Amino acid sequence: MGGPKMFLEAVKERASEAQCLGARQYNLVCLLSKDGGKAITLKVQMQNEETLFYRMGRNAKFNILVMDYCVRKQLGLGTIHFVGPDGKTLGETKTPQGLGMKDGDVIDALCHQING
C-alpha cells in the first residue's frame, strides 16, 4: 500500500473525541491515520484570516492538508501556496517527518498576487 489511509471523517471534522477532544472549539483539524502512528500539530496561518491547527501523522503527505485548507477557506488549489518554517514552499508529496518539522511549527498560507 502507498502510505497510511486517512480518515475521511477527519477531513470533515468528525474525528472521535479520543483523537481530538474539543477540536471545533480550538480550530483544530484532525487528519490522523488509521495506523496510530505518531502525530504532529502544525499551525497554518494566513494574513488577516483565522488560524487553523492541523493534527496529522508525521508521515502523512501535505496534499491532504492543502486540499482541506483550500476547501475550508473556499480557495482554488492553484491560488495559494504553503511555506514551511524554513521559508521553502511545501511540496504536496512531502511529509512533516521528511522535512524535519517539529510539533507546533508554523506554515504560512500565501495567496498568489496578480499584477502586484
N, C-alpha and C. Protein backbone atom coordinates (compact mmCIF):
# COMPACT_ATOMS: atom_id res chain seq x y z
N MET A 1 0.84 -1.18 0.00
CA MET A 1 0.00 0.00 0.00
C MET A 1 0.88 1.25 0.00
N GLY A 2 0.38 2.34 -0.53
CA GLY A 2 1.17 3.54 -0.69
C GLY A 2 1.06 4.52 0.46
N GLY A 3 1.18 4.09 1.68
CA GLY A 3 1.15 5.00 2.82
C GLY A 3 -0.11 4.82 3.64
N PRO A 4 -0.19 5.52 4.77
CA PRO A 4 -1.34 5.34 5.65
C PRO A 4 -2.61 5.89 5.03
N LYS A 5 -3.71 5.20 5.27
CA LYS A 5 -5.02 5.67 4.80
C LYS A 5 -5.53 6.73 5.76
N MET A 6 -6.10 7.76 5.19
CA MET A 6 -6.58 8.87 6.02
C MET A 6 -8.07 8.69 6.31
N PHE A 7 -8.48 9.10 7.47
CA PHE A 7 -9.90 9.08 7.80
C PHE A 7 -10.61 10.19 7.03
N LEU A 8 -11.58 9.83 6.22
CA LEU A 8 -12.37 10.84 5.53
C LEU A 8 -13.16 11.65 6.54
N GLU A 9 -13.58 10.98 7.60
CA GLU A 9 -14.32 11.67 8.64
C GLU A 9 -13.50 12.78 9.27
N ALA A 10 -12.19 12.59 9.36
CA ALA A 10 -11.33 13.60 9.97
C ALA A 10 -11.32 14.86 9.13
N VAL A 11 -11.32 14.70 7.83
CA VAL A 11 -11.33 15.85 6.94
C VAL A 11 -12.62 16.63 7.13
N LYS A 12 -13.68 15.93 7.44
CA LYS A 12 -14.98 16.56 7.65
C LYS A 12 -15.21 16.93 9.10
N GLU A 13 -14.17 16.96 9.90
CA GLU A 13 -14.23 17.28 11.33
C GLU A 13 -15.12 16.33 12.11
N ARG A 14 -15.02 15.05 11.79
CA ARG A 14 -15.80 14.06 12.51
C ARG A 14 -14.88 13.10 13.24
N ALA A 15 -13.74 13.57 13.65
CA ALA A 15 -12.81 12.72 14.38
C ALA A 15 -13.40 12.37 15.74
N SER A 16 -13.06 11.23 16.24
CA SER A 16 -13.58 10.81 17.54
C SER A 16 -13.03 11.70 18.65
N GLU A 17 -13.74 11.77 19.75
CA GLU A 17 -13.29 12.59 20.88
C GLU A 17 -11.97 12.09 21.42
N ALA A 18 -11.70 10.82 21.28
CA ALA A 18 -10.43 10.26 21.77
C ALA A 18 -9.24 10.83 20.99
N GLN A 19 -9.45 11.16 19.72
CA GLN A 19 -8.36 11.68 18.90
C GLN A 19 -8.21 13.19 19.05
N CYS A 20 -9.31 13.91 19.11
CA CYS A 20 -9.25 15.38 19.14
C CYS A 20 -10.32 15.94 20.05
N LEU A 21 -10.08 15.93 21.30
CA LEU A 21 -11.04 16.45 22.27
C LEU A 21 -11.16 17.96 22.10
N GLY A 22 -12.36 18.44 21.87
CA GLY A 22 -12.58 19.87 21.72
C GLY A 22 -12.06 20.45 20.43
N ALA A 23 -11.98 19.67 19.37
CA ALA A 23 -11.39 20.13 18.12
C ALA A 23 -12.08 21.37 17.56
N ARG A 24 -13.38 21.38 17.53
CA ARG A 24 -14.09 22.52 16.95
C ARG A 24 -13.85 23.79 17.75
N GLN A 25 -13.71 23.66 19.04
CA GLN A 25 -13.54 24.80 19.91
C GLN A 25 -12.22 25.53 19.64
N TYR A 26 -11.21 24.82 19.23
CA TYR A 26 -9.88 25.42 19.05
C TYR A 26 -9.43 25.46 17.61
N ASN A 27 -10.33 25.32 16.64
CA ASN A 27 -9.99 25.32 15.23
C ASN A 27 -8.93 24.28 14.91
N LEU A 28 -9.10 23.11 15.48
CA LEU A 28 -8.16 22.01 15.27
C LEU A 28 -8.78 21.01 14.32
N VAL A 29 -8.05 20.72 13.24
CA VAL A 29 -8.50 19.74 12.26
C VAL A 29 -7.62 18.51 12.41
N CYS A 30 -8.26 17.35 12.56
CA CYS A 30 -7.51 16.11 12.76
C CYS A 30 -7.46 15.32 11.47
N LEU A 31 -6.26 15.03 11.02
CA LEU A 31 -6.03 14.23 9.82
C LEU A 31 -5.15 13.05 10.23
N LEU A 32 -5.66 12.23 11.12
CA LEU A 32 -4.86 11.14 11.66
C LEU A 32 -5.05 9.87 10.85
N SER A 33 -3.99 9.07 10.77
CA SER A 33 -4.04 7.83 10.02
C SER A 33 -4.53 6.70 10.90
N LYS A 34 -5.02 5.65 10.27
CA LYS A 34 -5.56 4.51 10.98
C LYS A 34 -4.48 3.70 11.68
N ASP A 35 -3.24 3.83 11.26
CA ASP A 35 -2.18 3.01 11.84
C ASP A 35 -1.75 3.48 13.23
N GLY A 36 -2.28 4.61 13.68
CA GLY A 36 -1.99 5.09 15.03
C GLY A 36 -0.56 5.58 15.22
N GLY A 37 0.12 5.95 14.15
CA GLY A 37 1.50 6.44 14.25
C GLY A 37 1.57 7.76 14.99
N LYS A 38 2.79 8.21 15.23
CA LYS A 38 2.98 9.46 15.95
C LYS A 38 2.42 10.62 15.15
N ALA A 39 1.86 11.57 15.88
CA ALA A 39 1.21 12.72 15.25
C ALA A 39 1.98 14.00 15.58
N ILE A 40 1.69 15.02 14.79
CA ILE A 40 2.30 16.33 14.95
C ILE A 40 1.18 17.37 14.79
N THR A 41 1.28 18.46 15.53
CA THR A 41 0.32 19.56 15.38
C THR A 41 1.04 20.71 14.70
N LEU A 42 0.47 21.18 13.60
CA LEU A 42 1.03 22.28 12.83
C LEU A 42 0.04 23.44 12.79
N LYS A 43 0.55 24.64 12.83
CA LYS A 43 -0.27 25.85 12.80
C LYS A 43 -0.22 26.40 11.37
N VAL A 44 -1.39 26.59 10.76
CA VAL A 44 -1.45 27.15 9.41
C VAL A 44 -2.10 28.52 9.52
N GLN A 45 -1.36 29.53 9.09
CA GLN A 45 -1.86 30.90 9.21
C GLN A 45 -1.80 31.62 7.87
N MET A 46 -2.77 32.52 7.71
CA MET A 46 -2.86 33.34 6.52
C MET A 46 -3.15 34.76 6.98
N GLN A 47 -2.54 35.74 6.34
CA GLN A 47 -2.72 37.13 6.76
C GLN A 47 -4.20 37.49 6.80
N ASN A 48 -4.61 38.12 7.89
CA ASN A 48 -5.99 38.59 8.10
C ASN A 48 -7.02 37.46 8.09
N GLU A 49 -6.61 36.25 8.39
CA GLU A 49 -7.53 35.11 8.42
C GLU A 49 -7.38 34.37 9.74
N GLU A 50 -8.37 33.60 10.05
CA GLU A 50 -8.37 32.76 11.22
C GLU A 50 -7.28 31.67 11.08
N THR A 51 -6.57 31.42 12.15
CA THR A 51 -5.53 30.38 12.15
C THR A 51 -6.16 29.03 12.40
N LEU A 52 -5.70 28.03 11.66
CA LEU A 52 -6.15 26.65 11.86
C LEU A 52 -4.98 25.81 12.34
N PHE A 53 -5.28 24.87 13.19
CA PHE A 53 -4.28 23.93 13.67
C PHE A 53 -4.61 22.56 13.09
N TYR A 54 -3.60 21.91 12.55
CA TYR A 54 -3.78 20.58 11.96
C TYR A 54 -3.01 19.55 12.76
N ARG A 55 -3.71 18.52 13.17
CA ARG A 55 -3.09 17.38 13.85
C ARG A 55 -3.07 16.26 12.82
N MET A 56 -1.87 15.85 12.43
CA MET A 56 -1.73 14.86 11.37
C MET A 56 -0.56 13.93 11.65
N GLY A 57 -0.54 12.82 10.97
CA GLY A 57 0.55 11.88 11.12
C GLY A 57 1.85 12.47 10.59
N ARG A 58 2.95 12.11 11.20
CA ARG A 58 4.25 12.63 10.75
C ARG A 58 4.62 12.15 9.35
N ASN A 59 4.03 11.05 8.91
CA ASN A 59 4.31 10.53 7.57
C ASN A 59 3.18 10.80 6.58
N ALA A 60 2.20 11.60 6.98
CA ALA A 60 1.10 11.95 6.08
C ALA A 60 1.57 13.01 5.10
N LYS A 61 1.16 12.88 3.86
CA LYS A 61 1.56 13.85 2.84
C LYS A 61 0.77 15.15 2.99
N PHE A 62 1.41 16.24 2.65
CA PHE A 62 0.79 17.56 2.80
C PHE A 62 -0.39 17.79 1.86
N ASN A 63 -0.57 16.96 0.83
CA ASN A 63 -1.68 17.19 -0.08
C ASN A 63 -3.02 17.14 0.64
N ILE A 64 -3.13 16.31 1.68
CA ILE A 64 -4.37 16.23 2.45
C ILE A 64 -4.63 17.55 3.17
N LEU A 65 -3.61 18.12 3.79
CA LEU A 65 -3.72 19.40 4.48
C LEU A 65 -4.06 20.50 3.48
N VAL A 66 -3.39 20.53 2.35
CA VAL A 66 -3.61 21.57 1.33
C VAL A 66 -5.05 21.53 0.83
N MET A 67 -5.54 20.36 0.49
CA MET A 67 -6.91 20.24 -0.01
C MET A 67 -7.92 20.67 1.04
N ASP A 68 -7.73 20.21 2.27
CA ASP A 68 -8.66 20.57 3.34
C ASP A 68 -8.66 22.08 3.58
N TYR A 69 -7.49 22.69 3.65
CA TYR A 69 -7.39 24.13 3.90
C TYR A 69 -8.10 24.92 2.80
N CYS A 70 -7.87 24.54 1.56
CA CYS A 70 -8.48 25.26 0.44
C CYS A 70 -10.00 25.13 0.44
N VAL A 71 -10.51 23.96 0.79
CA VAL A 71 -11.96 23.77 0.87
C VAL A 71 -12.53 24.63 1.98
N ARG A 72 -11.90 24.61 3.15
CA ARG A 72 -12.40 25.39 4.28
C ARG A 72 -12.40 26.89 4.01
N LYS A 73 -11.37 27.36 3.32
CA LYS A 73 -11.24 28.80 3.05
C LYS A 73 -11.85 29.20 1.71
N GLN A 74 -12.44 28.24 1.00
CA GLN A 74 -13.06 28.46 -0.30
C GLN A 74 -12.08 29.09 -1.28
N LEU A 75 -10.91 28.48 -1.37
CA LEU A 75 -9.85 28.93 -2.26
C LEU A 75 -9.56 27.86 -3.30
N GLY A 76 -9.19 28.27 -4.49
CA GLY A 76 -8.78 27.32 -5.52
C GLY A 76 -7.40 26.78 -5.20
N LEU A 77 -7.16 25.51 -5.55
CA LEU A 77 -5.87 24.90 -5.25
C LEU A 77 -4.70 25.64 -5.88
N GLY A 78 -4.89 26.22 -7.04
CA GLY A 78 -3.79 26.92 -7.71
C GLY A 78 -3.60 28.36 -7.26
N THR A 79 -4.42 28.84 -6.34
CA THR A 79 -4.35 30.25 -5.94
C THR A 79 -3.56 30.47 -4.66
N ILE A 80 -3.05 29.42 -4.07
CA ILE A 80 -2.40 29.54 -2.78
C ILE A 80 -1.22 28.57 -2.71
N HIS A 81 -0.18 28.97 -1.99
CA HIS A 81 0.91 28.03 -1.73
C HIS A 81 1.29 28.13 -0.26
N PHE A 82 1.93 27.09 0.22
CA PHE A 82 2.23 26.95 1.64
C PHE A 82 3.73 26.97 1.84
N VAL A 83 4.17 27.77 2.81
CA VAL A 83 5.60 27.94 3.10
C VAL A 83 5.87 27.43 4.51
N GLY A 84 6.85 26.56 4.61
CA GLY A 84 7.22 25.99 5.90
C GLY A 84 8.09 26.91 6.72
N PRO A 85 8.47 26.46 7.91
CA PRO A 85 9.28 27.28 8.81
C PRO A 85 10.66 27.62 8.25
N ASP A 86 11.13 26.85 7.28
CA ASP A 86 12.44 27.12 6.68
C ASP A 86 12.36 28.12 5.53
N GLY A 87 11.12 28.59 5.22
CA GLY A 87 10.94 29.58 4.16
C GLY A 87 10.76 28.98 2.78
N LYS A 88 10.75 27.66 2.68
CA LYS A 88 10.60 26.98 1.39
C LYS A 88 9.15 26.52 1.19
N THR A 89 8.72 26.54 -0.07
CA THR A 89 7.37 26.08 -0.39
C THR A 89 7.26 24.59 -0.11
N LEU A 90 6.16 24.21 0.53
CA LEU A 90 5.93 22.80 0.84
C LEU A 90 5.39 22.08 -0.38
N GLY A 91 6.04 20.99 -0.73
CA GLY A 91 5.53 20.14 -1.81
C GLY A 91 4.41 19.27 -1.29
N GLU A 92 3.40 19.04 -2.10
CA GLU A 92 2.24 18.27 -1.66
C GLU A 92 2.58 16.82 -1.38
N THR A 93 3.67 16.31 -1.93
CA THR A 93 4.04 14.91 -1.68
C THR A 93 5.01 14.78 -0.51
N LYS A 94 5.39 15.90 0.07
CA LYS A 94 6.31 15.87 1.23
C LYS A 94 5.53 15.56 2.50
N THR A 95 6.27 15.19 3.53
CA THR A 95 5.67 14.87 4.83
C THR A 95 6.35 15.70 5.92
N PRO A 96 5.69 15.89 7.07
CA PRO A 96 6.34 16.62 8.16
C PRO A 96 7.64 15.96 8.60
N GLN A 97 7.66 14.65 8.67
CA GLN A 97 8.88 13.95 9.08
C GLN A 97 9.99 14.13 8.05
N GLY A 98 9.63 14.04 6.78
CA GLY A 98 10.61 14.21 5.71
C GLY A 98 11.25 15.59 5.70
N LEU A 99 10.53 16.59 6.21
CA LEU A 99 11.05 17.96 6.27
C LEU A 99 11.62 18.32 7.63
N GLY A 100 11.62 17.35 8.54
CA GLY A 100 12.17 17.59 9.88
C GLY A 100 11.36 18.58 10.71
N MET A 101 10.06 18.62 10.49
CA MET A 101 9.22 19.56 11.23
C MET A 101 8.99 19.07 12.65
N LYS A 102 8.78 20.05 13.53
CA LYS A 102 8.53 19.77 14.95
C LYS A 102 7.11 20.16 15.30
N ASP A 103 6.63 19.58 16.39
CA ASP A 103 5.30 19.90 16.90
C ASP A 103 5.21 21.40 17.14
N GLY A 104 4.17 22.05 16.63
CA GLY A 104 3.98 23.48 16.82
C GLY A 104 4.55 24.35 15.73
N ASP A 105 5.22 23.77 14.74
CA ASP A 105 5.77 24.57 13.64
C ASP A 105 4.66 25.30 12.90
N VAL A 106 5.01 26.45 12.32
CA VAL A 106 4.04 27.31 11.63
C VAL A 106 4.22 27.19 10.12
N ILE A 107 3.09 27.05 9.44
CA ILE A 107 3.06 27.05 7.98
C ILE A 107 2.30 28.30 7.56
N ASP A 108 2.90 29.07 6.66
CA ASP A 108 2.24 30.27 6.15
C ASP A 108 1.52 29.93 4.85
N ALA A 109 0.24 30.29 4.76
CA ALA A 109 -0.56 30.11 3.56
C ALA A 109 -0.56 31.45 2.83
N LEU A 110 -0.01 31.47 1.63
CA LEU A 110 0.14 32.71 0.87
C LEU A 110 -0.64 32.66 -0.43
N CYS A 111 -1.41 33.72 -0.69
CA CYS A 111 -2.15 33.82 -1.94
C CYS A 111 -1.22 34.35 -3.03
N HIS A 112 -1.39 33.81 -4.24
CA HIS A 112 -0.62 34.32 -5.36
C HIS A 112 -1.14 35.71 -5.70
N GLN A 113 -0.22 36.63 -5.93
CA GLN A 113 -0.60 38.00 -6.21
C GLN A 113 -0.49 38.26 -7.71
N ILE A 114 -1.52 38.86 -8.29
CA ILE A 114 -1.53 39.17 -9.71
C ILE A 114 -1.38 40.67 -9.88
N ASN A 115 -0.46 41.08 -10.76
CA ASN A 115 -0.21 42.49 -11.03
C ASN A 115 0.12 43.26 -9.76
N GLY A 116 0.95 42.66 -8.90
CA GLY A 116 1.23 43.33 -7.64
C GLY A 116 2.65 43.53 -7.43
